[in-house]
Structures are given as structure tokens and as C-alpha cells.
Amino acid sequence: MRLPINLKTILLGVAVVAVSFFVSLKIMDWVAPRGTFRPPVLVELPPLPPAPRSSRIIAPVAIALSAIRDAADRAAPRTFAGKADNPASQILQNADIGWTASRGPITATGAHDVLSLATPLTGTLNVTGSLSAKATGAVGDALGGLLGGNVAKQIGSVNIKNLDASAEIKGNVAITARPKLAAAWRLEPNLAAQVNLGDSSLVVAGARVNVPAQVKPLIDKAVADQIAATQARIRNDPALEQNARVQWAKTCRSIPLQGTGATSSLPALWLELRPTRAIAAQPRVDASAVTLTLGIEAETRITPVQTKPNCPFPATLTIIPATPGGVSIGVPIDMPFTDINKIVEAQFAGKTFPEDGSGAVDVTVRRASVAASGNRLLISLLVNAKEKKSFFGFGGEANVHIWGKPVLDQAKQTLRLTDIELAVESEAAFGLLGAAARAAMPHLQKALADKATIDLKPFASNAQKKIAAVIADFQKNEDGVRVAAEISSLRLADIAFDSRTLRVIAEAEGAMNVYLTALPGL
């Protein structure tokens, strides 16, 4: 006898079967292999070498000719005086042969690396004493020795009790300087002077005597003594070395770039500046200034903690050919691949491809990581593929590996991947995921090419601000000294990597100029 079938019982049975089926599918998904195929073999890279970069800070120091003129005007004596020996004491009694000269304002000009200073001279030659005439021969010989020319013949045997004569001195002094820097932190001025006197005469008992012939040797000696003293003072002046020591010590430091604040979430980075060499080009002289080009070369490196670099001051100054001024500071930025993994994971984890949902299979990225091998990076993706056409939505998970070459986009300040291609080891994964999943791979590869970028602008901007702040410490505008310094740009220059670290080389560019409009110390 057949029992009647209850409708509720039928529905309950169908539900149990359906639930069991779906649970079975999930259990199969859970216990089934997840594409644990052997990944591509990575080529172990040697560790990156230490990354100190050579940096330069070169500043033209322009000393205005007006400042040199004013300093020379203050230092040079305004009056000169001297006396001549009496060459005929047996005849010229109580002789006083003296001269005085005063200089006018000093002018300064420059051209072809020669600095020229000039000043007018005015003064008087005075001869006083008593002269007793004896034999004309003796008088002539004595006066000839004292005053020169044919004075004796003109005076003859005149009996002269007192002699008092004077003459005007007029002329100028021209000084040239060809300054050169010496390796021992000193400036060699290479001064030379020339005294020029106008033609004037002295009247003695009706005879005319040429004044320049009598006075010029005396003025030449006075000027030569002043030039020698000035040259020795400039040559021995330690001001250049003392100022260089101050700037050297100011440069030797460790600069916080990021992550040093109590609330910062970024890893701490410090830029170590260690000056290693002092450089200079020989002075240039033009119509407006004497320009000395001085600078330092330094090693720069990134450190995770603040350091105290050892920077011994160089005993000598390295003379280099003429070079334009400027600031160039190399900044190596090291990023572990563990940090890069976080960036790539944030960009792709949870994303589904094709993004417009047009494919027969949705491929969703679960995890993403990056590793280095040779000159390429390997992007490994744990993906889940789920077909959409059937009611049951069959799918699976597998690891897909994609190769790409990292390149810098200097304009956008980003690191991106090129030459993206599927690793051959990923072919086995498609046997598990199904052929339909392969159709989604081009979309994923394109997304990697378009979106797998590392934005370096925050690193670059932060480094530029910090370096600019350091350079700004050199700025000054007081006591006739103006220092203008700035960092105008920071560009990404190069990349390198080993198996654990990606290194980006950035270069900060700027300018520094020093203008001296007064020399109060001279």
C-alpha cells in the first residue's frame, strides 16, 4: 500500500539536498589544492653597495670694486714725507732737504682679471741751508752732486749766505693686483706699483733743477714700503680660512627628513652631510667685482638614525678650473621591499578584473607581493577566479606571477613597471582556474602597467623642503654681506635594487651666491 507523499516533506528534502550540495562545494574549495605550484626561480642579487653620493655646494663670492676702493682708501696713508741726505756737507751748511706729498681719493677699475687702483699725488720739495762759495770748481762739483745738471756752471762763483728753494710735486700712483688663491688657504695679491710725476723744476740761485729726478726715488721707496706691508698683511690674513672653518662645521651635520616627530607614522630617515674636500677657482676680475668661487664637496647618505659625522677640516684648498656656482645634493632613498609590498597590496588587494565586469570570469586579487630578480621585479598575486555563467559559480584560487621592469618617471616622480609579461610558471595555474580565467589576465596585466606605481612625490617634496631649510641657514644680509641660497628643484636621477631593497637616487638642485659690498675688517 503506497503512502501519500507530504508536500512539506518534499520541499524539506529538496532543501537538504541543495544545502548539502553547496556545503560540499565550499568544503571542496576549502580542502582542494590552491595552486601551490612552484614559483619562478629568483636570481639572488648582491647587496647594494654603500650609497654615499657626491654633493657640491659652490658659491661665487663677488666683492664689489667699490668695497675694495673704500677699504684701500681707509687703509692707505693720506700723506707721505721724507728727507734726502746732504751729499755736500762740506759746502752746504745746515742743509734741510725734504719733501711732502698728499694723495687724493682712490679709484678702482677692473678688467681681464687685473684690479687697478689709482690716486693723484700733490706735494712740495723744499731745500734750505747756508752755502759759502769758494772756488767755482768746488761749488760746481758740490751743487752738481746735490741738484744735478749744469747748476754749477749757471751759478758760477756767487757767494750765497742762505739758500731756501721749493718746488711743486704733481703726479699719481697706479697700483695693479693680480690676485691668486694659494693652496694653504691664503690669498696672494701680487701687487705692483708705479709712481708717475709731472715735469716740474726747482729754482736755485737762478738755476732750474728737475724735481722728478730728485724726488721720485724717494717716493718710489715710500710707496714700495707701503705695498710690501700691504701685500704681507693680505698674504698672512687668516680670514678666508676662518670663515671656511665656520661654514665647514655648519655643513657637517645630520638632517631629519621624515619620521622624527612623536606623531609621525613614517619610518625615520636622516640625511647625513659629510664635507670631504674644499674647492676653489682662481679669482676673476671684471668691471664691477672681484669674484672668488669657493665651495665644498660632500658625501651624503640616508640613515635611519641621527649621526654625528666626522668631518676634519682640510689642510689645503683644492684649486679647480673655473666653474659655475650652484648647489647639487645627492639623496639616496632606500625602500625595503617589505614596504613596497604594502604599497602594491593596498593598490590591488580586493580588486576584481575585468573591472567593468564584462568577462565570463571574475578574477579577484587576494594578496600581492613584489620580489627582485636580475633586472626585473616579480609581482606575485594570489587570485580567486569565479565563473559567472553557471548557476553554481565554480571557481578556485591560484598564484599568478607577472614580470615587470621598474623605471623612473621623472616628470611624474613615480616608479612604474614596464615590459610586463606573464611568467611561464603561471601556466599551471590556468589548468586549475580554467581557460576562462586566462581571458581576464590581459586586463590584470594592463592594470599592473597602469596602476602598479609607487608615488615618490611625498619623499621628494619632503626631502626638498628639508634640504632647502638647511641651505637657508647660510642666508645672511648684514654688515655689507648678503648670502642668497635656495633649493629650486629635486629630481629623481636613478634607481637600483638588490634582493631586499629598492634604492631611488634623488638630486636637489639650487643656487648660492655671496655679495660683499663692504669690507669693514680691512
Protein backbone atom coordinates (compact mmCIF):
# COMPACT_ATOMS: atom_id res chain seq x y z
CA MET A 1 0.00 0.00 0.00
CA ARG A 2 1.57 3.30 -1.10
CA LEU A 3 1.71 6.09 1.50
CA PRO A 4 0.74 9.59 0.41
CA ILE A 5 3.71 11.99 -0.01
CA ASN A 6 3.56 15.14 2.07
CA LEU A 7 4.46 18.31 0.09
CA LYS A 8 6.26 19.76 3.05
CA THR A 9 8.42 16.67 3.25
CA ILE A 10 9.32 17.00 -0.44
CA LEU A 11 10.34 20.62 -0.06
CA LEU A 12 12.36 19.84 3.02
CA GLY A 13 14.20 17.09 1.17
CA VAL A 14 14.99 19.35 -1.75
CA ALA A 15 16.33 21.98 0.63
CA VAL A 16 18.52 19.45 2.41
CA VAL A 17 19.95 18.22 -0.89
CA ALA A 18 20.64 21.77 -2.08
CA VAL A 19 22.30 22.83 1.14
CA SER A 20 24.38 19.67 1.17
CA PHE A 21 25.47 20.34 -2.38
CA PHE A 22 26.55 23.89 -1.72
CA VAL A 23 28.27 22.92 1.52
CA SER A 24 30.07 20.19 -0.36
CA LEU A 25 31.24 22.73 -2.94
CA LYS A 26 32.57 25.02 -0.25
CA ILE A 27 34.30 22.13 1.51
CA MET A 28 35.85 21.11 -1.77
CA ASP A 29 37.01 24.70 -2.35
CA TRP A 30 38.48 24.74 1.13
CA VAL A 31 40.28 21.41 1.04
CA ALA A 32 41.17 21.44 -2.63
CA PRO A 33 44.72 22.48 -3.64
CA ARG A 34 45.06 26.25 -4.16
CA GLY A 35 47.51 26.39 -6.96
CA THR A 36 50.59 25.85 -4.85
CA PHE A 37 52.72 25.37 -7.91
CA ARG A 38 56.42 26.09 -7.85
CA PRO A 39 57.02 29.85 -8.32
CA PRO A 40 59.65 31.24 -10.69
CA VAL A 41 63.22 30.86 -9.50
CA LEU A 42 64.59 34.21 -8.33
CA VAL A 43 68.15 35.25 -9.11
CA GLU A 44 69.74 36.36 -5.84
CA LEU A 45 71.24 39.82 -6.24
CA PRO A 46 74.37 41.03 -4.43
CA PRO A 47 73.71 43.60 -1.72
CA LEU A 48 73.66 47.19 -2.83
CA PRO A 49 76.96 48.93 -2.09
CA PRO A 50 77.02 51.78 0.41
CA ALA A 51 75.32 54.72 -1.20
CA PRO A 52 77.15 57.90 -0.29
CA ARG A 53 76.55 60.40 -3.05
CA SER A 54 78.93 63.14 -4.07
CA SER A 55 77.35 66.53 -3.50
CA ARG A 56 78.60 70.04 -4.18
CA ILE A 57 77.91 73.47 -2.78
CA ILE A 58 79.76 76.10 -4.84
CA ALA A 59 79.23 79.80 -4.19
CA PRO A 60 80.61 82.70 -6.23
CA VAL A 61 81.74 85.37 -3.75
CA ALA A 62 81.51 88.73 -5.53
CA ILE A 63 83.46 91.55 -3.83
CA ALA A 64 82.32 94.86 -5.27
CA LEU A 65 85.10 97.11 -6.57
CA SER A 66 83.56 99.92 -4.56
CA ALA A 67 84.15 97.87 -1.38
CA ILE A 68 87.79 97.30 -2.34
CA ARG A 69 88.17 101.00 -3.18
CA ASP A 70 86.74 102.10 0.17
CA ALA A 71 88.88 99.62 2.11
CA ALA A 72 92.02 100.78 0.31
CA ASP A 73 91.08 104.39 0.90
CA ARG A 74 90.78 103.75 4.64
CA ALA A 75 93.99 101.79 4.91
CA ALA A 76 96.36 103.81 2.73
CA PRO A 77 98.11 106.78 4.39
CA ARG A 78 97.00 110.14 3.07
CA THR A 79 100.33 111.94 3.43
CA PHE A 80 103.91 110.98 2.69
CA ALA A 81 107.08 112.78 3.73
CA GLY A 82 110.78 112.21 3.56
CA LYS A 83 114.21 113.78 3.65
CA ALA A 84 117.25 113.43 1.46
CA ASP A 85 120.83 113.16 2.65
CA ASN A 86 123.15 116.11 2.16
CA PRO A 87 125.66 114.99 -0.44
CA ALA A 88 127.96 118.06 0.07
CA SER A 89 128.10 118.73 3.77
CA GLN A 90 131.50 120.43 3.46
CA ILE A 91 129.94 123.19 1.35
CA LEU A 92 126.16 123.20 2.11
CA GLN A 93 125.87 124.02 5.78
CA ASN A 94 122.75 123.25 7.93
CA ALA A 95 121.01 121.64 4.93
CA ASP A 96 117.37 120.52 5.16
CA ILE A 97 116.24 118.73 2.00
CA GLY A 98 112.72 117.40 2.44
CA TRP A 99 109.54 116.63 0.58
CA THR A 100 105.89 116.15 1.49
CA ALA A 101 103.11 114.68 -0.64
CA SER A 102 99.39 114.09 -0.16
CA ARG A 103 97.23 111.67 -2.06
CA GLY A 104 93.71 112.21 -3.31
CA PRO A 105 90.77 109.77 -3.42
CA ILE A 106 91.47 106.25 -4.68
CA THR A 107 89.70 104.92 -7.75
CA ALA A 108 89.26 101.23 -8.62
CA THR A 109 88.75 99.61 -12.00
CA GLY A 110 88.91 96.05 -13.21
CA ALA A 111 89.30 94.17 -16.47
CA HIS A 112 90.90 90.97 -17.76
CA ASP A 113 91.46 89.63 -14.22
CA VAL A 114 93.52 92.68 -13.24
CA LEU A 115 92.44 95.06 -10.48
CA SER A 116 93.75 98.62 -10.87
CA LEU A 117 93.86 101.29 -8.15
CA ALA A 118 94.98 104.86 -8.76
CA THR A 119 95.32 108.05 -6.73
CA PRO A 120 96.65 111.55 -7.55
CA LEU A 121 99.67 112.97 -5.69
CA THR A 122 100.43 116.61 -4.87
CA GLY A 123 103.23 117.95 -2.71
CA THR A 124 106.29 120.15 -2.28
CA LEU A 125 110.07 119.76 -2.38
CA ASN A 126 111.95 122.15 -0.02
CA VAL A 127 115.69 122.82 0.15
CA THR A 128 117.06 125.11 2.89
CA GLY A 129 120.56 125.75 4.26
CA SER A 130 123.57 128.02 4.02
CA LEU A 131 126.06 127.88 1.17
CA SER A 132 129.53 129.58 1.13
CA ALA A 133 131.08 129.92 -2.32
CA LYS A 134 134.80 129.25 -2.72
CA ALA A 135 136.33 128.02 -5.90
CA THR A 136 133.90 127.66 -8.74
CA GLY A 137 135.13 124.16 -9.34
CA ALA A 138 134.37 123.07 -5.80
CA VAL A 139 130.97 124.78 -5.79
CA GLY A 140 130.08 123.31 -9.13
CA ASP A 141 131.00 119.80 -8.06
CA ALA A 142 129.05 120.07 -4.80
CA LEU A 143 125.93 121.58 -6.34
CA GLY A 144 126.08 119.17 -9.21
CA GLY A 145 126.12 116.26 -6.78
CA LEU A 146 123.20 117.71 -4.84
CA LEU A 147 120.98 119.20 -7.53
CA GLY A 148 122.23 117.68 -10.76
CA GLY A 149 122.51 119.13 -14.25
CA ASN A 150 124.73 122.07 -15.08
CA VAL A 151 123.82 124.05 -11.97
CA ALA A 152 127.41 124.79 -11.12
CA LYS A 153 128.04 126.41 -14.46
CA GLN A 154 124.94 128.58 -14.09
CA ILE A 155 125.64 129.67 -10.52
CA GLY A 156 129.31 130.25 -11.05
CA SER A 157 131.26 131.65 -8.09
CA VAL A 158 128.41 133.57 -6.48
CA ASN A 159 128.75 133.92 -2.70
CA ILE A 160 125.42 132.62 -1.24
CA LYS A 161 124.89 133.02 2.51
CA ASN A 162 121.38 131.42 2.75
CA LEU A 163 119.52 129.01 0.44
CA ASP A 164 115.73 128.50 0.54
CA ALA A 165 114.02 126.98 -2.50
CA SER A 166 110.85 124.96 -3.13
CA ALA A 167 109.06 123.27 -6.00
CA GLU A 168 105.66 121.65 -6.62
CA ILE A 169 105.27 117.89 -6.85
CA LYS A 170 102.44 116.62 -9.06
CA GLY A 171 101.70 113.12 -10.28
CA ASN A 172 99.88 109.89 -9.47
CA VAL A 173 100.40 106.40 -8.12
CA ALA A 174 98.99 103.42 -10.05
CA ILE A 175 98.72 100.03 -8.34
CA THR A 176 97.77 96.76 -10.02
CA ALA A 177 96.74 93.50 -8.37
CA ARG A 178 96.53 90.07 -9.94
CA PRO A 179 95.05 88.08 -7.04
CA LYS A 180 95.64 84.34 -6.86
CA LEU A 181 94.47 81.78 -4.33
CA ALA A 182 97.11 79.59 -2.73
CA ALA A 183 96.51 76.03 -1.57
CA ALA A 184 97.33 76.98 2.03
CA TRP A 185 94.09 78.98 2.44
CA ARG A 186 95.76 82.30 1.65
CA LEU A 187 95.30 84.97 -1.00
CA GLU A 188 98.37 86.20 -2.85
CA PRO A 189 97.57 89.75 -4.08
CA ASN A 190 100.56 90.12 -6.47
CA LEU A 191 100.69 93.89 -6.08
CA ALA A 192 102.78 96.19 -8.25
CA ALA A 193 103.01 99.99 -8.12
CA GLN A 194 104.24 102.72 -10.43
CA VAL A 195 104.84 106.36 -9.47
CA ASN A 196 104.40 108.94 -12.22
CA LEU A 197 105.48 112.57 -11.59
CA GLY A 198 104.81 115.55 -13.79
CA ASP A 199 107.67 117.68 -15.10
CA SER A 200 108.38 120.43 -12.54
CA SER A 201 111.50 122.31 -11.52
CA LEU A 202 113.22 123.90 -8.55
CA VAL A 203 114.90 127.34 -8.91
CA VAL A 204 118.16 127.66 -7.01
CA ALA A 205 120.04 130.93 -7.39
CA GLY A 206 118.50 131.42 -10.80
CA ALA A 207 119.08 127.85 -11.97
CA ARG A 208 116.29 125.36 -12.68
CA VAL A 209 116.57 121.87 -11.19
CA ASN A 210 114.44 118.90 -12.36
CA VAL A 211 112.24 117.89 -9.41
CA PRO A 212 111.17 114.35 -10.54
CA ALA A 213 114.79 113.31 -10.82
CA GLN A 214 115.39 114.31 -7.21
CA VAL A 215 112.09 113.20 -5.61
CA LYS A 216 110.91 110.12 -7.50
CA PRO A 217 113.42 107.69 -5.96
CA LEU A 218 112.31 108.83 -2.52
CA ILE A 219 108.58 108.49 -3.30
CA ASP A 220 109.20 105.15 -5.03
CA LYS A 221 110.75 103.83 -1.84
CA ALA A 222 107.90 105.12 0.35
CA VAL A 223 105.28 103.57 -1.93
CA ALA A 224 107.23 100.31 -2.19
CA ASP A 225 107.36 100.07 1.60
CA GLN A 226 103.59 100.54 1.81
CA ILE A 227 102.98 97.97 -0.95
CA ALA A 228 105.23 95.41 0.76
CA ALA A 229 103.45 95.90 4.09
CA THR A 230 100.01 95.63 2.47
CA GLN A 231 100.99 92.55 0.49
CA ALA A 232 102.32 90.82 3.60
CA ARG A 233 99.17 91.69 5.56
CA ILE A 234 96.86 90.28 2.85
CA ARG A 235 99.03 87.20 2.34
CA ASN A 236 99.01 86.38 6.05
CA ASP A 237 95.37 87.26 6.69
CA PRO A 238 93.60 84.11 8.06
CA ALA A 239 90.08 85.48 7.39
CA LEU A 240 89.47 83.17 4.41
CA GLU A 241 90.39 80.07 6.39
CA GLN A 242 88.48 81.17 9.49
CA ASN A 243 85.27 81.80 7.54
CA ALA A 244 85.68 78.50 5.71
CA ARG A 245 86.01 76.65 9.02
CA VAL A 246 82.73 78.14 10.24
CA GLN A 247 80.86 77.08 7.09
CA TRP A 248 82.54 73.65 7.11
CA ALA A 249 81.32 72.99 10.65
CA LYS A 250 77.84 74.22 9.74
CA THR A 251 77.66 71.77 6.82
CA CYS A 252 78.86 68.74 8.83
CA ARG A 253 75.56 67.56 10.24
CA SER A 254 72.65 65.12 10.13
CA ILE A 255 69.33 66.49 8.85
CA PRO A 256 65.93 64.97 9.73
CA LEU A 257 63.98 64.14 6.57
CA GLN A 258 60.93 62.32 7.93
CA GLY A 259 59.53 60.27 10.77
CA THR A 260 61.37 62.08 13.55
CA GLY A 261 58.27 63.60 15.14
CA ALA A 262 56.44 61.92 18.01
CA THR A 263 53.23 61.55 15.98
CA SER A 264 54.77 60.56 12.65
CA SER A 265 53.79 57.20 11.17
CA LEU A 266 56.64 57.22 8.63
CA PRO A 267 59.94 55.44 9.26
CA ALA A 268 62.66 57.79 10.50
CA LEU A 269 65.10 58.98 7.84
CA TRP A 270 68.08 61.29 8.29
CA LEU A 271 70.28 62.86 5.64
CA GLU A 272 73.93 62.86 6.66
CA LEU A 273 76.11 65.58 5.13
CA ARG A 274 79.85 64.99 5.48
CA PRO A 275 82.09 67.53 3.71
CA THR A 276 85.24 65.91 2.36
CA ARG A 277 87.02 68.48 0.19
CA ALA A 278 87.27 72.26 -0.10
CA ILE A 279 87.48 73.57 -3.65
CA ALA A 280 88.01 76.96 -5.26
CA ALA A 281 88.57 78.55 -8.64
CA GLN A 282 91.03 81.38 -9.18
CA PRO A 283 89.59 84.90 -8.79
CA ARG A 284 88.04 86.67 -11.73
CA VAL A 285 88.16 90.45 -12.08
CA ASP A 286 85.73 92.42 -14.20
CA ALA A 287 84.41 95.97 -14.32
CA SER A 288 82.20 95.55 -11.25
CA ALA A 289 83.72 93.00 -8.87
CA VAL A 290 86.43 90.58 -7.91
CA THR A 291 84.77 87.17 -7.77
CA LEU A 292 86.16 84.22 -5.83
CA THR A 293 84.45 80.88 -6.41
CA LEU A 294 84.55 78.78 -3.24
CA GLY A 295 82.84 75.53 -2.40
CA ILE A 296 82.83 72.15 -0.75
CA GLU A 297 82.34 68.60 -1.90
CA ALA A 298 80.45 66.35 0.49
CA GLU A 299 79.26 62.78 0.84
CA THR A 300 75.55 62.42 1.53
CA ARG A 301 73.71 59.32 2.66
CA ILE A 302 70.40 58.35 4.22
CA THR A 303 70.48 56.85 7.71
CA PRO A 304 67.66 55.54 9.96
CA VAL A 305 69.03 57.42 12.99
CA GLN A 306 70.74 60.72 13.61
CA THR A 307 74.50 60.52 13.20
CA LYS A 308 77.47 62.67 14.16
CA PRO A 309 79.71 62.62 11.09
CA ASN A 310 83.44 63.14 11.46
CA CYS A 311 84.50 65.98 9.17
CA PRO A 312 88.16 67.01 9.63
CA PHE A 313 88.89 70.40 8.09
CA PRO A 314 91.23 70.06 5.09
CA ALA A 315 94.73 71.47 5.41
CA THR A 316 94.76 72.56 1.78
CA LEU A 317 92.38 74.14 -0.68
CA THR A 318 91.95 72.28 -3.97
CA ILE A 319 92.18 74.67 -6.92
CA ILE A 320 89.89 73.69 -9.80
CA PRO A 321 89.20 75.24 -13.22
CA ALA A 322 86.62 77.99 -13.46
CA THR A 323 83.18 76.53 -12.79
CA PRO A 324 79.69 77.96 -12.39
CA GLY A 325 78.29 78.14 -8.90
CA GLY A 326 75.40 76.03 -7.71
CA VAL A 327 74.10 73.55 -5.19
CA SER A 328 73.81 69.86 -6.06
CA ILE A 329 73.00 67.44 -3.25
CA GLY A 330 72.51 63.75 -3.98
CA VAL A 331 69.99 61.95 -1.79
CA PRO A 332 69.81 58.12 -1.91
CA ILE A 333 66.39 56.92 -0.69
CA ASP A 334 66.31 53.22 0.27
CA MET A 335 62.94 51.45 0.48
CA PRO A 336 62.73 47.81 1.66
CA PHE A 337 60.59 45.55 -0.48
CA THR A 338 58.52 44.85 2.62
CA ASP A 339 57.37 48.49 2.43
CA ILE A 340 56.82 48.24 -1.32
CA ASN A 341 54.70 45.12 -0.76
CA LYS A 342 52.39 47.17 1.43
CA ILE A 343 52.01 49.80 -1.28
CA VAL A 344 51.26 47.24 -4.02
CA GLU A 345 48.94 45.28 -1.74
CA ALA A 346 46.96 48.41 -0.97
CA GLN A 347 46.62 49.12 -4.69
CA PHE A 348 45.40 45.65 -5.76
CA ALA A 349 44.11 43.56 -2.86
CA GLY A 350 40.35 43.18 -3.18
CA LYS A 351 40.24 44.46 -6.78
CA THR A 352 38.34 42.40 -9.37
CA PHE A 353 39.18 42.14 -13.07
CA PRO A 354 37.86 42.89 -15.60
CA GLU A 355 36.90 45.99 -13.68
CA ASP A 356 33.79 46.56 -15.79
CA GLY A 357 32.55 43.01 -15.07
CA SER A 358 32.35 42.14 -18.77
CA GLY A 359 34.21 38.83 -18.61
CA ALA A 360 32.88 35.32 -18.13
CA VAL A 361 35.10 35.01 -15.07
CA ASP A 362 35.79 37.48 -12.28
CA VAL A 363 39.40 37.38 -11.10
CA THR A 364 39.83 38.93 -7.67
CA VAL A 365 43.24 39.67 -6.19
CA ARG A 366 43.56 38.42 -2.61
CA ARG A 367 47.21 39.23 -1.94
CA ALA A 368 50.09 40.88 -3.79
CA SER A 369 53.85 40.95 -3.23
CA VAL A 370 56.99 42.06 -5.06
CA ALA A 371 60.42 40.45 -5.30
CA ALA A 372 63.57 41.31 -7.24
CA SER A 373 65.38 39.04 -9.66
CA GLY A 374 68.07 40.12 -12.11
CA ASN A 375 67.00 43.39 -13.69
CA ARG A 376 63.28 42.72 -13.20
CA LEU A 377 60.69 42.61 -10.47
CA LEU A 378 58.33 39.67 -9.96
CA ILE A 379 54.78 40.53 -8.91
CA SER A 380 53.13 37.53 -7.27
CA LEU A 381 49.34 37.62 -6.98
CA LEU A 382 47.08 35.25 -5.10
CA VAL A 383 43.90 35.42 -7.19
CA ASN A 384 40.45 33.92 -6.96
CA ALA A 385 38.69 33.11 -10.23
CA LYS A 386 34.94 32.65 -10.24
CA GLU A 387 32.92 31.83 -13.34
CA LYS A 388 29.65 33.71 -13.72
CA LYS A 389 27.68 31.80 -16.40
CA SER A 390 26.65 28.72 -14.43
CA PHE A 391 24.28 28.72 -11.51
CA PHE A 392 26.86 27.09 -9.27
CA GLY A 393 29.66 29.68 -9.78
CA PHE A 394 32.59 27.26 -9.92
CA GLY A 395 36.00 28.76 -9.19
CA GLY A 396 39.33 28.37 -7.45
CA GLU A 397 42.43 30.14 -6.17
CA ALA A 398 45.95 30.11 -7.52
CA ASN A 399 49.16 32.12 -7.52
CA VAL A 400 49.85 34.05 -10.71
CA HIS A 401 53.31 35.53 -11.34
CA ILE A 402 53.96 38.51 -13.59
CA TRP A 403 57.34 40.02 -14.56
CA GLY A 404 57.98 43.75 -15.00
CA LYS A 405 60.90 46.18 -15.24
CA PRO A 406 60.93 49.18 -12.88
CA VAL A 407 61.55 52.57 -14.45
CA LEU A 408 61.50 56.11 -13.14
CA ASP A 409 59.01 58.60 -14.48
CA GLN A 410 60.94 61.77 -13.72
CA ALA A 411 58.16 64.09 -14.85
CA LYS A 412 55.54 62.47 -12.59
CA GLN A 413 58.06 61.49 -9.87
CA THR A 414 56.79 57.92 -9.76
CA LEU A 415 58.21 54.42 -10.10
CA ARG A 416 56.27 52.27 -12.55
CA LEU A 417 56.55 48.90 -14.31
CA THR A 418 57.17 48.29 -18.00
CA ASP A 419 57.64 45.21 -20.20
CA ILE A 420 55.01 43.35 -18.20
CA GLU A 421 54.61 39.68 -19.13
CA LEU A 422 53.12 36.58 -17.59
CA ALA A 423 55.66 34.18 -16.09
CA VAL A 424 55.65 30.75 -17.73
CA GLU A 425 55.24 29.18 -14.29
CA SER A 426 51.74 30.67 -14.19
CA GLU A 427 50.52 28.37 -16.99
CA ALA A 428 49.85 25.58 -14.49
CA ALA A 429 47.56 27.89 -12.55
CA PHE A 430 45.23 28.22 -15.52
CA GLY A 431 44.69 24.48 -15.55
CA LEU A 432 43.21 24.90 -12.09
CA LEU A 433 41.36 28.15 -12.72
CA GLY A 434 40.08 27.24 -16.13
CA ALA A 435 40.62 28.64 -19.58
CA ALA A 436 38.09 31.41 -18.96
CA ALA A 437 40.37 32.87 -16.30
CA ARG A 438 43.09 33.31 -18.90
CA ALA A 439 40.87 35.81 -20.69
CA ALA A 440 40.94 38.04 -17.62
CA MET A 441 44.74 38.11 -17.44
CA PRO A 442 45.28 40.83 -20.07
CA HIS A 443 43.03 43.10 -18.01
CA LEU A 444 45.09 42.35 -14.93
CA GLN A 445 48.37 42.91 -16.76
CA LYS A 446 47.12 46.24 -18.11
CA ALA A 447 46.05 47.25 -14.63
CA LEU A 448 49.52 46.43 -13.36
CA ALA A 449 51.09 48.55 -16.09
CA ASP A 450 48.73 51.45 -15.42
CA LYS A 451 48.36 51.34 -11.67
CA ALA A 452 51.31 49.47 -10.18
CA THR A 453 53.18 52.68 -9.43
CA ILE A 454 54.95 53.97 -6.37
CA ASP A 455 54.35 57.67 -5.83
CA LEU A 456 57.67 59.20 -4.85
CA LYS A 457 56.40 62.79 -4.70
CA PRO A 458 55.94 62.74 -0.91
CA PHE A 459 59.53 61.54 -0.48
CA ALA A 460 60.85 64.08 -2.99
CA SER A 461 58.83 67.00 -1.65
CA ASN A 462 59.76 66.28 1.93
CA ALA A 463 63.45 65.89 1.07
CA GLN A 464 63.42 69.15 -0.91
CA LYS A 465 61.87 71.08 1.98
CA LYS A 466 64.33 69.71 4.50
CA ILE A 467 67.38 70.35 2.32
CA ALA A 468 66.08 73.83 1.46
CA ALA A 469 65.80 74.58 5.18
CA VAL A 470 69.43 73.57 5.67
CA ILE A 471 70.63 75.70 2.76
CA ALA A 472 68.56 78.61 4.09
CA ASP A 473 70.73 78.56 7.22
CA PHE A 474 73.52 80.01 5.10
CA GLN A 475 71.48 83.08 4.16
CA LYS A 476 72.66 86.37 5.58
CA ASN A 477 72.09 90.07 4.98
CA GLU A 478 74.09 92.27 7.31
CA ASP A 479 77.32 94.28 7.63
CA GLY A 480 77.72 94.56 3.88
CA VAL A 481 77.41 90.79 3.36
CA ARG A 482 74.46 89.24 1.56
CA VAL A 483 74.18 85.48 1.06
CA ALA A 484 71.37 84.25 -1.19
CA ALA A 485 70.72 80.50 -1.13
CA GLU A 486 67.85 78.32 -2.31
CA ILE A 487 66.91 74.83 -3.46
CA SER A 488 64.85 75.22 -6.62
CA SER A 489 64.14 71.61 -7.60
CA LEU A 490 64.60 67.98 -6.72
CA ARG A 491 64.72 65.41 -9.50
CA LEU A 492 64.81 61.63 -9.48
CA ALA A 493 68.03 60.59 -11.15
CA ASP A 494 68.38 56.81 -10.98
CA ILE A 495 67.23 53.56 -9.38
CA ALA A 496 68.97 50.39 -8.24
CA PHE A 497 67.90 47.38 -6.23
CA ASP A 498 69.08 44.19 -4.65
CA SER A 499 67.00 41.29 -3.38
CA ARG A 500 65.76 43.23 -0.37
CA THR A 501 65.96 46.95 -1.09
CA LEU A 502 64.93 49.37 -3.81
CA ARG A 503 67.08 52.50 -3.98
CA VAL A 504 66.00 55.74 -5.63
CA ILE A 505 68.62 58.44 -6.18
CA ALA A 506 67.30 61.99 -5.94
CA GLU A 507 69.28 65.15 -6.68
CA ALA A 508 68.44 68.52 -5.16
CA GLU A 509 69.48 71.46 -7.32
CA GLY A 510 69.76 75.10 -6.34
CA ALA A 511 71.98 78.16 -6.18
CA MET A 512 74.08 80.07 -3.68
CA ASN A 513 75.64 83.49 -4.21
CA VAL A 514 77.59 85.75 -1.86
CA TYR A 515 77.79 89.52 -2.36
CA LEU A 516 80.20 91.74 -0.40
CA THR A 517 79.51 95.47 -0.60
CA ALA A 518 81.75 96.43 2.32
CA LEU A 519 84.98 95.16 3.85
CA PRO A 520 84.88 96.52 7.39
CA GLY A 521 87.74 94.30 8.54
CA LEU A 522 90.26 95.80 6.11
